[in-house]
Amino acid sequence: MTTYTQLTCGQRHQINVLLKTGFLQTEIAHQLGVNKSTISRELRRNHGERGYRPKQAHEKALERRKQKTQAFINAET
């Protein structure tokens, strides 16, 4: 069974740089050592009107993680 690790802020900045230099999602995934679906999902969830912005993407991810934790805690009580 493989373990799941979330993208770091640094990885999100790498994604942004690689996108701007013309790398494909598959190539970005290979560079970061993650599955290509991780990159696809990251871009789908965090691509706004002004394109992919790594700082905002990281903030959104942290907020989703916080909401998930709160929902889990509320479900236990």
PDB file of N, CA and C in Angstrom:
ATOM      1  N   MET A   1       0.848  -1.187   0.000  1.00  0.00           N
ATOM      2  CA  MET A   1       0.000   0.000   0.000  1.00  0.00           C
ATOM      3  C   MET A   1       0.889   1.244   0.000  1.00  0.00           C
ATOM      4  N   THR A   2       0.585   2.187  -0.864  1.00  0.00           N
ATOM      5  CA  THR A   2       1.381   3.403  -0.926  1.00  0.00           C
ATOM      6  C   THR A   2       0.863   4.410   0.078  1.00  0.00           C
ATOM      7  N   THR A   3       1.760   5.267   0.540  1.00  0.00           N
ATOM      8  CA  THR A   3       1.361   6.302   1.484  1.00  0.00           C
ATOM      9  C   THR A   3       1.055   7.588   0.736  1.00  0.00           C
ATOM     10  N   TYR A   4       0.192   8.370   1.306  1.00  0.00           N
ATOM     11  CA  TYR A   4      -0.246   9.610   0.690  1.00  0.00           C
ATOM     12  C   TYR A   4       0.439  10.784   1.376  1.00  0.00           C
ATOM     13  N   THR A   5       1.039  11.665   0.613  1.00  0.00           N
ATOM     14  CA  THR A   5       1.603  12.897   1.161  1.00  0.00           C
ATOM     15  C   THR A   5       1.045  14.066   0.360  1.00  0.00           C
ATOM     16  N   GLN A   6       0.727  15.108   1.062  1.00  0.00           N
ATOM     17  CA  GLN A   6       0.180  16.283   0.398  1.00  0.00           C
ATOM     18  C   GLN A   6       1.312  17.124  -0.178  1.00  0.00           C
ATOM     19  N   LEU A   7       0.981  17.902  -1.191  1.00  0.00           N
ATOM     20  CA  LEU A   7       1.968  18.770  -1.803  1.00  0.00           C
ATOM     21  C   LEU A   7       2.379  19.873  -0.825  1.00  0.00           C
ATOM     22  N   THR A   8       3.648  20.222  -0.870  1.00  0.00           N
ATOM     23  CA  THR A   8       4.153  21.304  -0.031  1.00  0.00           C
ATOM     24  C   THR A   8       4.041  22.621  -0.793  1.00  0.00           C
ATOM     25  N   CYS A   9       4.242  23.687  -0.084  1.00  0.00           N
ATOM     26  CA  CYS A   9       4.219  25.010  -0.717  1.00  0.00           C
ATOM     27  C   CYS A   9       5.332  25.093  -1.771  1.00  0.00           C
ATOM     28  N   GLY A  10       6.481  24.540  -1.457  1.00  0.00           N
ATOM     29  CA  GLY A  10       7.599  24.541  -2.401  1.00  0.00           C
ATOM     30  C   GLY A  10       7.283  23.771  -3.669  1.00  0.00           C
ATOM     31  N   GLN A  11       6.606  22.638  -3.530  1.00  0.00           N
ATOM     32  CA  GLN A  11       6.214  21.863  -4.703  1.00  0.00           C
ATOM     33  C   GLN A  11       5.226  22.631  -5.556  1.00  0.00           C
ATOM     34  N   ARG A  12       4.343  23.375  -4.914  1.00  0.00           N
ATOM     35  CA  ARG A  12       3.378  24.179  -5.669  1.00  0.00           C
ATOM     36  C   ARG A  12       4.092  25.282  -6.454  1.00  0.00           C
ATOM     37  N   HIS A  13       5.127  25.856  -5.876  1.00  0.00           N
ATOM     38  CA  HIS A  13       5.910  26.867  -6.599  1.00  0.00           C
ATOM     39  C   HIS A  13       6.650  26.216  -7.774  1.00  0.00           C
ATOM     40  N   GLN A  14       7.148  25.008  -7.579  1.00  0.00           N
ATOM     41  CA  GLN A  14       7.796  24.280  -8.669  1.00  0.00           C
ATOM     42  C   GLN A  14       6.810  24.007  -9.796  1.00  0.00           C
ATOM     43  N   ILE A  15       5.604  23.609  -9.452  1.00  0.00           N
ATOM     44  CA  ILE A  15       4.571  23.369 -10.460  1.00  0.00           C
ATOM     45  C   ILE A  15       4.363  24.629 -11.290  1.00  0.00           C
ATOM     46  N   ASN A  16       4.271  25.759 -10.621  1.00  0.00           N
ATOM     47  CA  ASN A  16       4.048  27.025 -11.305  1.00  0.00           C
ATOM     48  C   ASN A  16       5.179  27.339 -12.278  1.00  0.00           C
ATOM     49  N   VAL A  17       6.410  27.190 -11.832  1.00  0.00           N
ATOM     50  CA  VAL A  17       7.566  27.474 -12.689  1.00  0.00           C
ATOM     51  C   VAL A  17       7.599  26.527 -13.883  1.00  0.00           C
ATOM     52  N   LEU A  18       7.377  25.254 -13.627  1.00  0.00           N
ATOM     53  CA  LEU A  18       7.411  24.280 -14.713  1.00  0.00           C
ATOM     54  C   LEU A  18       6.284  24.511 -15.715  1.00  0.00           C
ATOM     55  N   LEU A  19       5.106  24.904 -15.232  1.00  0.00           N
ATOM     56  CA  LEU A  19       3.999  25.223 -16.142  1.00  0.00           C
ATOM     57  C   LEU A  19       4.377  26.395 -17.051  1.00  0.00           C
ATOM     58  N   LYS A  20       4.961  27.416 -16.448  1.00  0.00           N
ATOM     59  CA  LYS A  20       5.322  28.617 -17.211  1.00  0.00           C
ATOM     60  C   LYS A  20       6.423  28.350 -18.230  1.00  0.00           C
ATOM     61  N   THR A  21       7.246  27.328 -17.971  1.00  0.00           N
ATOM     62  CA  THR A  21       8.312  27.005 -18.918  1.00  0.00           C
ATOM     63  C   THR A  21       7.863  25.988 -19.958  1.00  0.00           C
ATOM     64  N   GLY A  22       6.580  25.599 -19.924  1.00  0.00           N
ATOM     65  CA  GLY A  22       6.021  24.765 -20.970  1.00  0.00           C
ATOM     66  C   GLY A  22       6.024  23.270 -20.714  1.00  0.00           C
ATOM     67  N   PHE A  23       6.304  22.843 -19.495  1.00  0.00           N
ATOM     68  CA  PHE A  23       6.275  21.416 -19.186  1.00  0.00           C
ATOM     69  C   PHE A  23       4.841  20.904 -19.203  1.00  0.00           C
ATOM     70  N   LEU A  24       4.666  19.666 -19.623  1.00  0.00           N
ATOM     71  CA  LEU A  24       3.367  19.004 -19.575  1.00  0.00           C
ATOM     72  C   LEU A  24       3.121  18.474 -18.169  1.00  0.00           C
ATOM     73  N   GLN A  25       1.855  18.206 -17.847  1.00  0.00           N
ATOM     74  CA  GLN A  25       1.512  17.708 -16.513  1.00  0.00           C
ATOM     75  C   GLN A  25       2.261  16.422 -16.180  1.00  0.00           C
ATOM     76  N   THR A  26       2.397  15.543 -17.155  1.00  0.00           N
ATOM     77  CA  THR A  26       3.106  14.282 -16.935  1.00  0.00           C
ATOM     78  C   THR A  26       4.574  14.544 -16.600  1.00  0.00           C
ATOM     79  N   GLU A  27       5.183  15.493 -17.284  1.00  0.00           N
ATOM     80  CA  GLU A  27       6.586  15.836 -17.038  1.00  0.00           C
ATOM     81  C   GLU A  27       6.757  16.479 -15.659  1.00  0.00           C
ATOM     82  N   ILE A  28       5.810  17.311 -15.279  1.00  0.00           N
ATOM     83  CA  ILE A  28       5.851  17.948 -13.958  1.00  0.00           C
ATOM     84  C   ILE A  28       5.756  16.883 -12.882  1.00  0.00           C
ATOM     85  N   ALA A  29       4.847  15.938 -13.061  1.00  0.00           N
ATOM     86  CA  ALA A  29       4.679  14.851 -12.094  1.00  0.00           C
ATOM     87  C   ALA A  29       5.984  14.068 -11.950  1.00  0.00           C
ATOM     88  N   HIS A  30       6.623  13.784 -13.058  1.00  0.00           N
ATOM     89  CA  HIS A  30       7.890  13.042 -13.017  1.00  0.00           C
ATOM     90  C   HIS A  30       8.960  13.846 -12.274  1.00  0.00           C
ATOM     91  N   GLN A  31       9.044  15.136 -12.549  1.00  0.00           N
ATOM     92  CA  GLN A  31      10.025  16.005 -11.883  1.00  0.00           C
ATOM     93  C   GLN A  31       9.822  16.035 -10.376  1.00  0.00           C
ATOM     94  N   LEU A  32       8.552  16.054  -9.935  1.00  0.00           N
ATOM     95  CA  LEU A  32       8.244  16.148  -8.500  1.00  0.00           C
ATOM     96  C   LEU A  32       8.169  14.786  -7.821  1.00  0.00           C
ATOM     97  N   GLY A  33       8.136  13.720  -8.614  1.00  0.00           N
ATOM     98  CA  GLY A  33       8.045  12.384  -8.048  1.00  0.00           C
ATOM     99  C   GLY A  33       6.668  12.057  -7.497  1.00  0.00           C
ATOM    100  N   VAL A  34       5.641  12.584  -8.163  1.00  0.00           N
ATOM    101  CA  VAL A  34       4.262  12.302  -7.766  1.00  0.00           C
ATOM    102  C   VAL A  34       3.517  11.741  -8.962  1.00  0.00           C
ATOM    103  N   ASN A  35       2.333  11.214  -8.729  1.00  0.00           N
ATOM    104  CA  ASN A  35       1.513  10.682  -9.800  1.00  0.00           C
ATOM    105  C   ASN A  35       0.966  11.825 -10.648  1.00  0.00           C
ATOM    106  N   LYS A  36       0.786  11.568 -11.945  1.00  0.00           N
ATOM    107  CA  LYS A  36       0.283  12.629 -12.826  1.00  0.00           C
ATOM    108  C   LYS A  36      -1.116  13.082 -12.443  1.00  0.00           C
ATOM    109  N   SER A  37      -1.891  12.196 -11.809  1.00  0.00           N
ATOM    110  CA  SER A  37      -3.235  12.597 -11.377  1.00  0.00           C
ATOM    111  C   SER A  37      -3.163  13.628 -10.249  1.00  0.00           C
ATOM    112  N   THR A  38      -2.098  13.600  -9.464  1.00  0.00           N
ATOM    113  CA  THR A  38      -1.910  14.595  -8.403  1.00  0.00           C
ATOM    114  C   THR A  38      -1.786  15.989  -9.010  1.00  0.00           C
ATOM    115  N   ILE A  39      -1.022  16.098 -10.080  1.00  0.00           N
ATOM    116  CA  ILE A  39      -0.836  17.391 -10.746  1.00  0.00           C
ATOM    117  C   ILE A  39      -2.143  17.836 -11.391  1.00  0.00           C
ATOM    118  N   SER A  40      -2.818  16.913 -12.054  1.00  0.00           N
ATOM    119  CA  SER A  40      -4.091  17.236 -12.687  1.00  0.00           C
ATOM    120  C   SER A  40      -5.097  17.751 -11.665  1.00  0.00           C
ATOM    121  N   ARG A  41      -5.198  17.042 -10.558  1.00  0.00           N
ATOM    122  CA  ARG A  41      -6.135  17.418  -9.493  1.00  0.00           C
ATOM    123  C   ARG A  41      -5.760  18.770  -8.891  1.00  0.00           C
ATOM    124  N   GLU A  42      -4.477  18.989  -8.674  1.00  0.00           N
ATOM    125  CA  GLU A  42      -4.000  20.256  -8.111  1.00  0.00           C
ATOM    126  C   GLU A  42      -4.377  21.425  -9.010  1.00  0.00           C
ATOM    127  N   LEU A  43      -4.155  21.271 -10.293  1.00  0.00           N
ATOM    128  CA  LEU A  43      -4.466  22.351 -11.222  1.00  0.00           C
ATOM    129  C   LEU A  43      -5.966  22.573 -11.351  1.00  0.00           C
ATOM    130  N   ARG A  44      -6.735  21.493 -11.341  1.00  0.00           N
ATOM    131  CA  ARG A  44      -8.196  21.618 -11.451  1.00  0.00           C
ATOM    132  C   ARG A  44      -8.772  22.335 -10.235  1.00  0.00           C
ATOM    133  N   ARG A  45      -8.296  21.970  -9.050  1.00  0.00           N
ATOM    134  CA  ARG A  45      -8.834  22.554  -7.819  1.00  0.00           C
ATOM    135  C   ARG A  45      -8.396  23.997  -7.600  1.00  0.00           C
ATOM    136  N   ASN A  46      -7.236  24.353  -8.102  1.00  0.00           N
ATOM    137  CA  ASN A  46      -6.637  25.636  -7.728  1.00  0.00           C
ATOM    138  C   ASN A  46      -6.340  26.554  -8.899  1.00  0.00           C
ATOM    139  N   HIS A  47      -6.988  26.355 -10.019  1.00  0.00           N
ATOM    140  CA  HIS A  47      -6.780  27.212 -11.180  1.00  0.00           C
ATOM    141  C   HIS A  47      -7.903  28.226 -11.231  1.00  0.00           C
ATOM    142  N   GLY A  48      -7.552  29.488 -11.121  1.00  0.00           N
ATOM    143  CA  GLY A  48      -8.561  30.543 -11.121  1.00  0.00           C
ATOM    144  C   GLY A  48      -8.526  31.363 -12.396  1.00  0.00           C
ATOM    145  N   GLU A  49      -9.174  32.496 -12.357  1.00  0.00           N
ATOM    146  CA  GLU A  49      -9.240  33.382 -13.519  1.00  0.00           C
ATOM    147  C   GLU A  49      -7.862  33.872 -13.938  1.00  0.00           C
ATOM    148  N   ARG A  50      -6.974  34.014 -12.970  1.00  0.00           N
ATOM    149  CA  ARG A  50      -5.631  34.520 -13.249  1.00  0.00           C
ATOM    150  C   ARG A  50      -4.614  33.395 -13.370  1.00  0.00           C
ATOM    151  N   GLY A  51      -5.093  32.193 -13.603  1.00  0.00           N
ATOM    152  CA  GLY A  51      -4.195  31.057 -13.778  1.00  0.00           C
ATOM    153  C   GLY A  51      -3.888  30.369 -12.458  1.00  0.00           C
ATOM    154  N   TYR A  52      -2.834  29.568 -12.462  1.00  0.00           N
ATOM    155  CA  TYR A  52      -2.416  28.836 -11.263  1.00  0.00           C
ATOM    156  C   TYR A  52      -1.523  29.742 -10.434  1.00  0.00           C
ATOM    157  N   ARG A  53      -1.911  29.959  -9.189  1.00  0.00           N
ATOM    158  CA  ARG A  53      -1.151  30.811  -8.280  1.00  0.00           C
ATOM    159  C   ARG A  53      -0.793  29.988  -7.048  1.00  0.00           C
ATOM    160  N   PRO A  54       0.489  29.625  -6.898  1.00  0.00           N
ATOM    161  CA  PRO A  54       0.894  28.659  -5.875  1.00  0.00           C
ATOM    162  C   PRO A  54       0.602  29.076  -4.438  1.00  0.00           C
ATOM    163  N   LYS A  55       0.747  30.350  -4.129  1.00  0.00           N
ATOM    164  CA  LYS A  55       0.491  30.794  -2.751  1.00  0.00           C
ATOM    165  C   LYS A  55      -0.993  30.610  -2.410  1.00  0.00           C
ATOM    166  N   GLN A  56      -1.863  31.036  -3.308  1.00  0.00           N
ATOM    167  CA  GLN A  56      -3.294  30.872  -3.079  1.00  0.00           C
ATOM    168  C   GLN A  56      -3.681  29.404  -3.086  1.00  0.00           C
ATOM    169  N   ALA A  57      -3.036  28.610  -3.935  1.00  0.00           N
ATOM    170  CA  ALA A  57      -3.315  27.176  -3.984  1.00  0.00           C
ATOM    171  C   ALA A  57      -2.991  26.528  -2.644  1.00  0.00           C
ATOM    172  N   HIS A  58      -1.866  26.922  -2.056  1.00  0.00           N
ATOM    173  CA  HIS A  58      -1.476  26.353  -0.766  1.00  0.00           C
ATOM    174  C   HIS A  58      -2.458  26.773   0.332  1.00  0.00           C
ATOM    175  N   GLU A  59      -2.867  28.034   0.308  1.00  0.00           N
ATOM    176  CA  GLU A  59      -3.832  28.514   1.302  1.00  0.00           C
ATOM    177  C   GLU A  59      -5.165  27.777   1.175  1.00  0.00           C
ATOM    178  N   LYS A  60      -5.615  27.550  -0.055  1.00  0.00           N
ATOM    179  CA  LYS A  60      -6.860  26.796  -0.273  1.00  0.00           C
ATOM    180  C   LYS A  60      -6.730  25.369   0.256  1.00  0.00           C
ATOM    181  N   ALA A  61      -5.580  24.750   0.006  1.00  0.00           N
ATOM    182  CA  ALA A  61      -5.358  23.374   0.461  1.00  0.00           C
ATOM    183  C   ALA A  61      -5.370  23.293   1.981  1.00  0.00           C
ATOM    184  N   LEU A  62      -4.736  24.259   2.637  1.00  0.00           N
ATOM    185  CA  LEU A  62      -4.730  24.280   4.104  1.00  0.00           C
ATOM    186  C   LEU A  62      -6.144  24.468   4.647  1.00  0.00           C
ATOM    187  N   GLU A  63      -6.927  25.317   3.985  1.00  0.00           N
ATOM    188  CA  GLU A  63      -8.310  25.554   4.417  1.00  0.00           C
ATOM    189  C   GLU A  63      -9.151  24.285   4.241  1.00  0.00           C
ATOM    190  N   ARG A  64      -8.977  23.585   3.111  1.00  0.00           N
ATOM    191  CA  ARG A  64      -9.709  22.333   2.913  1.00  0.00           C
ATOM    192  C   ARG A  64      -9.324  21.303   3.975  1.00  0.00           C
ATOM    193  N   ARG A  65      -8.054  21.241   4.315  1.00  0.00           N
ATOM    194  CA  ARG A  65      -7.594  20.299   5.337  1.00  0.00           C
ATOM    195  C   ARG A  65      -8.207  20.642   6.689  1.00  0.00           C
ATOM    196  N   LYS A  66      -8.271  21.931   6.998  1.00  0.00           N
ATOM    197  CA  LYS A  66      -8.854  22.379   8.259  1.00  0.00           C
ATOM    198  C   LYS A  66     -10.342  22.031   8.329  1.00  0.00           C
ATOM    199  N   GLN A  67     -11.064  22.263   7.239  1.00  0.00           N
ATOM    200  CA  GLN A  67     -12.491  21.950   7.206  1.00  0.00           C
ATOM    201  C   GLN A  67     -12.733  20.456   7.347  1.00  0.00           C
ATOM    202  N   LYS A  68     -11.900  19.655   6.722  1.00  0.00           N
ATOM    203  CA  LYS A  68     -12.046  18.212   6.807  1.00  0.00           C
ATOM    204  C   LYS A  68     -11.830  17.734   8.244  1.00  0.00           C
ATOM    205  N   THR A  69     -10.818  18.275   8.904  1.00  0.00           N
ATOM    206  CA  THR A  69     -10.536  17.910  10.293  1.00  0.00           C
ATOM    207  C   THR A  69     -11.695  18.303  11.198  1.00  0.00           C
ATOM    208  N   GLN A  70     -12.240  19.497  11.001  1.00  0.00           N
ATOM    209  CA  GLN A  70     -13.360  19.950  11.819  1.00  0.00           C
ATOM    210  C   GLN A  70     -14.585  19.073  11.602  1.00  0.00           C
ATOM    211  N   ALA A  71     -14.829  18.675  10.361  1.00  0.00           N
ATOM    212  CA  ALA A  71     -15.972  17.812  10.068  1.00  0.00           C
ATOM    213  C   ALA A  71     -15.791  16.453  10.729  1.00  0.00           C
ATOM    214  N   PHE A  72     -14.570  15.930  10.749  1.00  0.00           N
ATOM    215  CA  PHE A  72     -14.279  14.660  11.390  1.00  0.00           C
ATOM    216  C   PHE A  72     -14.502  14.740  12.885  1.00  0.00           C
ATOM    217  N   ILE A  73     -14.057  15.851  13.491  1.00  0.00           N
ATOM    218  CA  ILE A  73     -14.230  16.041  14.937  1.00  0.00           C
ATOM    219  C   ILE A  73     -15.717  16.156  15.278  1.00  0.00           C
ATOM    220  N   ASN A  74     -16.468  16.899  14.489  1.00  0.00           N
ATOM    221  CA  ASN A  74     -17.900  17.073  14.726  1.00  0.00           C
ATOM    222  C   ASN A  74     -18.659  15.758  14.569  1.00  0.00           C
ATOM    223  N   ALA A  75     -18.209  14.913  13.662  1.00  0.00           N
ATOM    224  CA  ALA A  75     -18.872  13.624  13.445  1.00  0.00           C
ATOM    225  C   ALA A  75     -18.670  12.679  14.624  1.00  0.00           C
ATOM    226  N   GLU A  76     -17.555  12.824  15.315  1.00  0.00           N
ATOM    227  CA  GLU A  76     -17.275  11.960  16.463  1.00  0.00           C
ATOM    228  C   GLU A  76     -18.085  12.324  17.685  1.00  0.00           C
ATOM    229  N   THR A  77     -18.498  13.573  17.802  1.00  0.00           N
ATOM    230  CA  THR A  77     -19.228  14.006  18.994  1.00  0.00           C
ATOM    231  C   THR A  77     -20.717  13.830  18.858  1.00  0.00           C
TER     232      THR A  77
END
